[in-house]
Amino acid sequence: MFEKQGKFYADWRDRKGARKRKSFTSARAALRFEEEQKELAHPKPKARANQSPKFSAPKSKGKTRAIETKPQSVKHSSRSPEKSSRTNSARLTLLKPPHR
C-alpha cells in the first residue's frame, strides 16, 4: 500500500503475476483490500494432520549402557539474587599464637 496525492493505493499481484492497483480514500480500506487480494492470489496451503511419522529408536541387540550426564548449573543474569534466610552472625577472629 502506498499514498499519493491524498489517495491510498492497494498494490498487489494477481495469480498470473500481473501488477494491480486500486485507489481508496482511507489507508485502512486499502490495506484490508490488499491483504484480501494477496490471499486470493496466493492462498496458504492447509495444514495436514499427522504429516510427520512417529519416531522410534532402532532396537539394539545385546547389553545397553545408560549414559550419565552431570547436571550443568545455569546462571541467570536477569534474575535477582535470592535473599538468604541466615542472620548475620559475629565474624570469627583468629587468635595469633604468642611469640616465644
N, C-alpha and C. Protein backbone atom coordinates (compact mmCIF):
# COMPACT_ATOMS: atom_id res chain seq x y z
N MET A 1 0.84 -1.15 0.00
CA MET A 1 0.00 0.00 0.00
C MET A 1 0.90 1.23 0.00
N PHE A 2 0.46 2.23 -0.74
CA PHE A 2 1.20 3.49 -0.74
C PHE A 2 0.22 4.65 -0.89
N GLU A 3 0.73 5.83 -0.58
CA GLU A 3 -0.10 7.03 -0.62
C GLU A 3 0.44 7.97 -1.69
N LYS A 4 -0.46 8.57 -2.45
CA LYS A 4 -0.06 9.53 -3.48
C LYS A 4 -1.16 10.57 -3.63
N GLN A 5 -0.81 11.81 -3.42
CA GLN A 5 -1.71 12.95 -3.58
C GLN A 5 -3.02 12.78 -2.79
N GLY A 6 -2.89 12.33 -1.54
CA GLY A 6 -4.05 12.22 -0.67
C GLY A 6 -4.89 10.97 -0.87
N LYS A 7 -4.51 10.10 -1.80
CA LYS A 7 -5.23 8.84 -2.00
C LYS A 7 -4.34 7.69 -1.58
N PHE A 8 -4.97 6.60 -1.16
CA PHE A 8 -4.25 5.41 -0.72
C PHE A 8 -4.48 4.31 -1.75
N TYR A 9 -3.41 3.68 -2.17
CA TYR A 9 -3.49 2.67 -3.23
C TYR A 9 -3.12 1.29 -2.69
N ALA A 10 -4.01 0.34 -2.95
CA ALA A 10 -3.70 -1.06 -2.67
C ALA A 10 -2.88 -1.55 -3.86
N ASP A 11 -1.79 -2.24 -3.59
CA ASP A 11 -0.87 -2.67 -4.64
C ASP A 11 -0.60 -4.16 -4.44
N TRP A 12 -0.96 -5.00 -5.44
CA TRP A 12 -0.77 -6.44 -5.33
C TRP A 12 -0.56 -7.05 -6.70
N ARG A 13 -0.25 -8.33 -6.74
CA ARG A 13 -0.11 -9.06 -7.99
C ARG A 13 -1.12 -10.20 -8.01
N ASP A 14 -1.74 -10.41 -9.19
CA ASP A 14 -2.73 -11.48 -9.30
C ASP A 14 -2.05 -12.83 -9.50
N ARG A 15 -2.85 -13.87 -9.75
CA ARG A 15 -2.31 -15.23 -9.90
C ARG A 15 -1.31 -15.35 -11.06
N LYS A 16 -1.50 -14.56 -12.09
CA LYS A 16 -0.62 -14.62 -13.25
C LYS A 16 0.63 -13.77 -13.07
N GLY A 17 0.68 -12.97 -11.99
CA GLY A 17 1.84 -12.13 -11.74
C GLY A 17 1.69 -10.70 -12.23
N ALA A 18 0.52 -10.37 -12.77
CA ALA A 18 0.30 -9.01 -13.26
C ALA A 18 0.07 -8.08 -12.06
N ARG A 19 0.68 -6.91 -12.12
CA ARG A 19 0.56 -5.94 -11.04
C ARG A 19 -0.78 -5.23 -11.12
N LYS A 20 -1.46 -5.12 -9.98
CA LYS A 20 -2.77 -4.48 -9.90
C LYS A 20 -2.73 -3.38 -8.85
N ARG A 21 -3.52 -2.34 -9.05
CA ARG A 21 -3.64 -1.24 -8.09
C ARG A 21 -5.08 -0.77 -8.06
N LYS A 22 -5.50 -0.33 -6.88
CA LYS A 22 -6.84 0.22 -6.72
C LYS A 22 -6.74 1.32 -5.68
N SER A 23 -7.42 2.47 -5.93
CA SER A 23 -7.33 3.61 -5.01
C SER A 23 -8.46 3.58 -3.99
N PHE A 24 -8.15 4.11 -2.80
CA PHE A 24 -9.11 4.21 -1.70
C PHE A 24 -8.93 5.56 -1.02
N THR A 25 -9.96 5.97 -0.28
CA THR A 25 -9.86 7.24 0.44
C THR A 25 -9.25 7.07 1.82
N SER A 26 -9.19 5.83 2.35
CA SER A 26 -8.59 5.60 3.67
C SER A 26 -7.51 4.53 3.57
N ALA A 27 -6.51 4.68 4.42
CA ALA A 27 -5.41 3.72 4.43
C ALA A 27 -5.88 2.36 4.91
N ARG A 28 -6.79 2.35 5.88
CA ARG A 28 -7.30 1.09 6.42
C ARG A 28 -8.00 0.26 5.35
N ALA A 29 -8.83 0.89 4.54
CA ALA A 29 -9.55 0.18 3.48
C ALA A 29 -8.58 -0.36 2.44
N ALA A 30 -7.56 0.42 2.11
CA ALA A 30 -6.57 -0.01 1.12
C ALA A 30 -5.79 -1.22 1.63
N LEU A 31 -5.37 -1.17 2.88
CA LEU A 31 -4.63 -2.31 3.45
C LEU A 31 -5.48 -3.57 3.53
N ARG A 32 -6.74 -3.42 3.95
CA ARG A 32 -7.63 -4.57 4.05
C ARG A 32 -7.86 -5.20 2.67
N PHE A 33 -8.12 -4.37 1.66
CA PHE A 33 -8.37 -4.89 0.33
C PHE A 33 -7.11 -5.57 -0.23
N GLU A 34 -5.95 -4.96 -0.01
CA GLU A 34 -4.69 -5.53 -0.50
C GLU A 34 -4.44 -6.90 0.11
N GLU A 35 -4.67 -7.05 1.41
CA GLU A 35 -4.47 -8.34 2.07
C GLU A 35 -5.44 -9.39 1.53
N GLU A 36 -6.69 -9.00 1.28
CA GLU A 36 -7.66 -9.94 0.73
C GLU A 36 -7.23 -10.42 -0.65
N GLN A 37 -6.77 -9.50 -1.49
CA GLN A 37 -6.36 -9.85 -2.85
C GLN A 37 -5.11 -10.74 -2.85
N LYS A 38 -4.18 -10.45 -1.95
CA LYS A 38 -2.97 -11.28 -1.85
C LYS A 38 -3.33 -12.70 -1.43
N GLU A 39 -4.29 -12.83 -0.50
CA GLU A 39 -4.70 -14.15 -0.04
C GLU A 39 -5.42 -14.91 -1.16
N LEU A 40 -6.22 -14.22 -1.96
CA LEU A 40 -6.90 -14.88 -3.08
C LEU A 40 -5.90 -15.33 -4.15
N ALA A 41 -4.91 -14.52 -4.43
CA ALA A 41 -3.94 -14.84 -5.47
C ALA A 41 -2.97 -15.93 -5.03
N HIS A 42 -2.59 -15.91 -3.76
CA HIS A 42 -1.61 -16.87 -3.25
C HIS A 42 -2.10 -17.45 -1.93
N PRO A 43 -3.07 -18.39 -1.98
CA PRO A 43 -3.62 -18.94 -0.74
C PRO A 43 -2.58 -19.79 -0.01
N LYS A 44 -2.69 -19.80 1.31
CA LYS A 44 -1.79 -20.62 2.12
C LYS A 44 -2.30 -22.06 2.08
N PRO A 45 -1.37 -23.02 1.98
CA PRO A 45 -1.81 -24.42 1.99
C PRO A 45 -2.34 -24.80 3.37
N LYS A 46 -3.37 -25.64 3.38
CA LYS A 46 -3.94 -26.06 4.65
C LYS A 46 -3.01 -27.06 5.32
N ALA A 47 -2.95 -26.99 6.63
CA ALA A 47 -2.09 -27.90 7.40
C ALA A 47 -2.67 -29.31 7.33
N ARG A 48 -1.80 -30.27 7.20
CA ARG A 48 -2.23 -31.67 7.16
C ARG A 48 -2.00 -32.30 8.51
N ALA A 49 -2.97 -33.05 8.98
CA ALA A 49 -2.84 -33.71 10.28
C ALA A 49 -1.98 -34.96 10.14
N ASN A 50 -1.21 -35.24 11.16
CA ASN A 50 -0.36 -36.43 11.22
C ASN A 50 0.57 -36.56 10.03
N GLN A 51 1.18 -35.47 9.63
CA GLN A 51 2.06 -35.50 8.47
C GLN A 51 3.41 -36.13 8.77
N SER A 52 3.98 -35.84 9.93
CA SER A 52 5.30 -36.38 10.25
C SER A 52 5.15 -37.74 10.93
N PRO A 53 6.00 -38.69 10.54
CA PRO A 53 5.90 -40.02 11.15
C PRO A 53 6.40 -40.00 12.58
N LYS A 54 5.92 -40.95 13.36
CA LYS A 54 6.36 -41.04 14.74
C LYS A 54 7.77 -41.60 14.77
N PHE A 55 8.59 -41.09 15.68
CA PHE A 55 9.98 -41.51 15.76
C PHE A 55 10.11 -42.64 16.76
N SER A 56 10.87 -43.63 16.39
CA SER A 56 11.21 -44.69 17.34
C SER A 56 12.66 -45.08 17.08
N ALA A 57 13.40 -45.20 18.13
CA ALA A 57 14.82 -45.55 18.01
C ALA A 57 14.92 -47.03 17.63
N PRO A 58 15.92 -47.36 16.82
CA PRO A 58 16.08 -48.78 16.46
C PRO A 58 16.48 -49.59 17.68
N LYS A 59 15.92 -50.77 17.77
CA LYS A 59 16.23 -51.62 18.90
C LYS A 59 17.58 -52.28 18.67
N SER A 60 18.43 -52.23 19.69
CA SER A 60 19.76 -52.83 19.55
C SER A 60 19.78 -54.16 20.28
N LYS A 61 20.60 -55.04 19.77
CA LYS A 61 20.74 -56.35 20.39
C LYS A 61 21.90 -56.30 21.37
N GLY A 62 21.78 -56.99 22.46
CA GLY A 62 22.86 -57.01 23.44
C GLY A 62 22.60 -56.05 24.57
N LYS A 63 23.65 -55.90 25.38
CA LYS A 63 23.53 -55.03 26.55
C LYS A 63 23.59 -53.57 26.13
N THR A 64 22.87 -52.76 26.83
CA THR A 64 22.92 -51.32 26.60
C THR A 64 23.40 -50.65 27.86
N ARG A 65 24.15 -49.57 27.71
CA ARG A 65 24.63 -48.82 28.86
C ARG A 65 23.93 -47.46 28.90
N ALA A 66 23.59 -47.08 30.10
CA ALA A 66 22.97 -45.76 30.26
C ALA A 66 24.08 -44.72 30.24
N ILE A 67 23.81 -43.61 29.62
CA ILE A 67 24.77 -42.52 29.55
C ILE A 67 24.50 -41.59 30.71
N GLU A 68 25.53 -41.39 31.52
CA GLU A 68 25.37 -40.49 32.66
C GLU A 68 25.86 -39.11 32.29
N THR A 69 25.09 -38.11 32.66
CA THR A 69 25.49 -36.74 32.40
C THR A 69 25.44 -35.97 33.70
N LYS A 70 26.35 -35.03 33.84
CA LYS A 70 26.36 -34.18 35.02
C LYS A 70 25.40 -33.01 34.77
N PRO A 71 24.60 -32.71 35.77
CA PRO A 71 23.73 -31.53 35.59
C PRO A 71 24.57 -30.27 35.55
N GLN A 72 24.27 -29.42 34.62
CA GLN A 72 25.01 -28.18 34.48
C GLN A 72 24.28 -27.08 35.24
N SER A 73 25.06 -26.31 35.99
CA SER A 73 24.44 -25.22 36.71
C SER A 73 24.16 -24.09 35.73
N VAL A 74 23.00 -23.51 35.86
CA VAL A 74 22.57 -22.45 34.96
C VAL A 74 22.54 -21.15 35.74
N LYS A 75 23.23 -20.15 35.22
CA LYS A 75 23.21 -18.84 35.86
C LYS A 75 22.35 -17.91 35.04
N HIS A 76 21.44 -17.26 35.71
CA HIS A 76 20.56 -16.31 35.04
C HIS A 76 20.95 -14.91 35.46
N SER A 77 21.42 -14.14 34.52
CA SER A 77 21.85 -12.78 34.84
C SER A 77 20.67 -11.85 35.09
N SER A 78 19.51 -12.20 34.57
CA SER A 78 18.37 -11.31 34.72
C SER A 78 17.65 -11.50 36.06
N ARG A 79 17.91 -12.60 36.72
CA ARG A 79 17.24 -12.84 37.99
C ARG A 79 17.94 -12.10 39.12
N SER A 80 17.17 -11.68 40.09
CA SER A 80 17.76 -11.03 41.24
C SER A 80 18.25 -12.11 42.20
N PRO A 81 19.33 -11.85 42.92
CA PRO A 81 19.84 -12.88 43.84
C PRO A 81 18.83 -13.15 44.94
N GLU A 82 18.75 -14.42 45.32
CA GLU A 82 17.80 -14.80 46.35
C GLU A 82 18.32 -14.34 47.71
N LYS A 83 17.40 -13.93 48.56
CA LYS A 83 17.78 -13.48 49.89
C LYS A 83 18.03 -14.71 50.76
N SER A 84 19.08 -14.65 51.53
CA SER A 84 19.43 -15.73 52.42
C SER A 84 18.58 -15.67 53.67
N SER A 85 18.22 -16.81 54.21
CA SER A 85 17.43 -16.84 55.43
C SER A 85 18.32 -16.79 56.66
N ARG A 86 19.64 -16.78 56.46
CA ARG A 86 20.58 -16.71 57.58
C ARG A 86 20.58 -15.31 58.19
N THR A 87 20.87 -15.29 59.46
CA THR A 87 21.04 -13.99 60.11
C THR A 87 22.52 -13.69 60.17
N ASN A 88 22.88 -12.45 60.26
CA ASN A 88 24.28 -12.09 60.35
C ASN A 88 24.81 -12.51 61.71
N SER A 89 25.87 -13.27 61.68
CA SER A 89 26.48 -13.70 62.93
C SER A 89 27.81 -12.98 63.11
N ALA A 90 28.31 -13.04 64.32
CA ALA A 90 29.59 -12.39 64.60
C ALA A 90 30.69 -13.08 63.80
N ARG A 91 31.60 -12.29 63.29
CA ARG A 91 32.68 -12.86 62.49
C ARG A 91 33.70 -13.56 63.39
N LEU A 92 34.25 -14.60 62.86
CA LEU A 92 35.27 -15.33 63.61
C LEU A 92 36.58 -14.55 63.53
N THR A 93 37.25 -14.49 64.65
CA THR A 93 38.56 -13.83 64.66
C THR A 93 39.62 -14.87 64.98
N LEU A 94 40.71 -14.79 64.30
CA LEU A 94 41.78 -15.73 64.52
C LEU A 94 42.71 -15.18 65.60
N LEU A 95 43.02 -16.01 66.56
CA LEU A 95 43.92 -15.63 67.63
C LEU A 95 45.33 -15.98 67.21
N LYS A 96 46.21 -15.02 67.35
CA LYS A 96 47.59 -15.28 66.99
C LYS A 96 48.30 -15.97 68.16
N PRO A 97 49.10 -16.97 67.86
CA PRO A 97 49.82 -17.62 68.95
C PRO A 97 50.87 -16.67 69.52
N PRO A 98 51.14 -16.70 70.83
CA PRO A 98 52.12 -15.80 71.43
C PRO A 98 53.53 -16.10 70.92
N HIS A 99 54.34 -15.06 70.83
CA HIS A 99 55.71 -15.23 70.35
C HIS A 99 56.58 -15.78 71.48
N ARG A 100 57.45 -16.68 71.23
CA ARG A 100 58.33 -17.24 72.25
C ARG A 100 59.75 -16.98 71.92
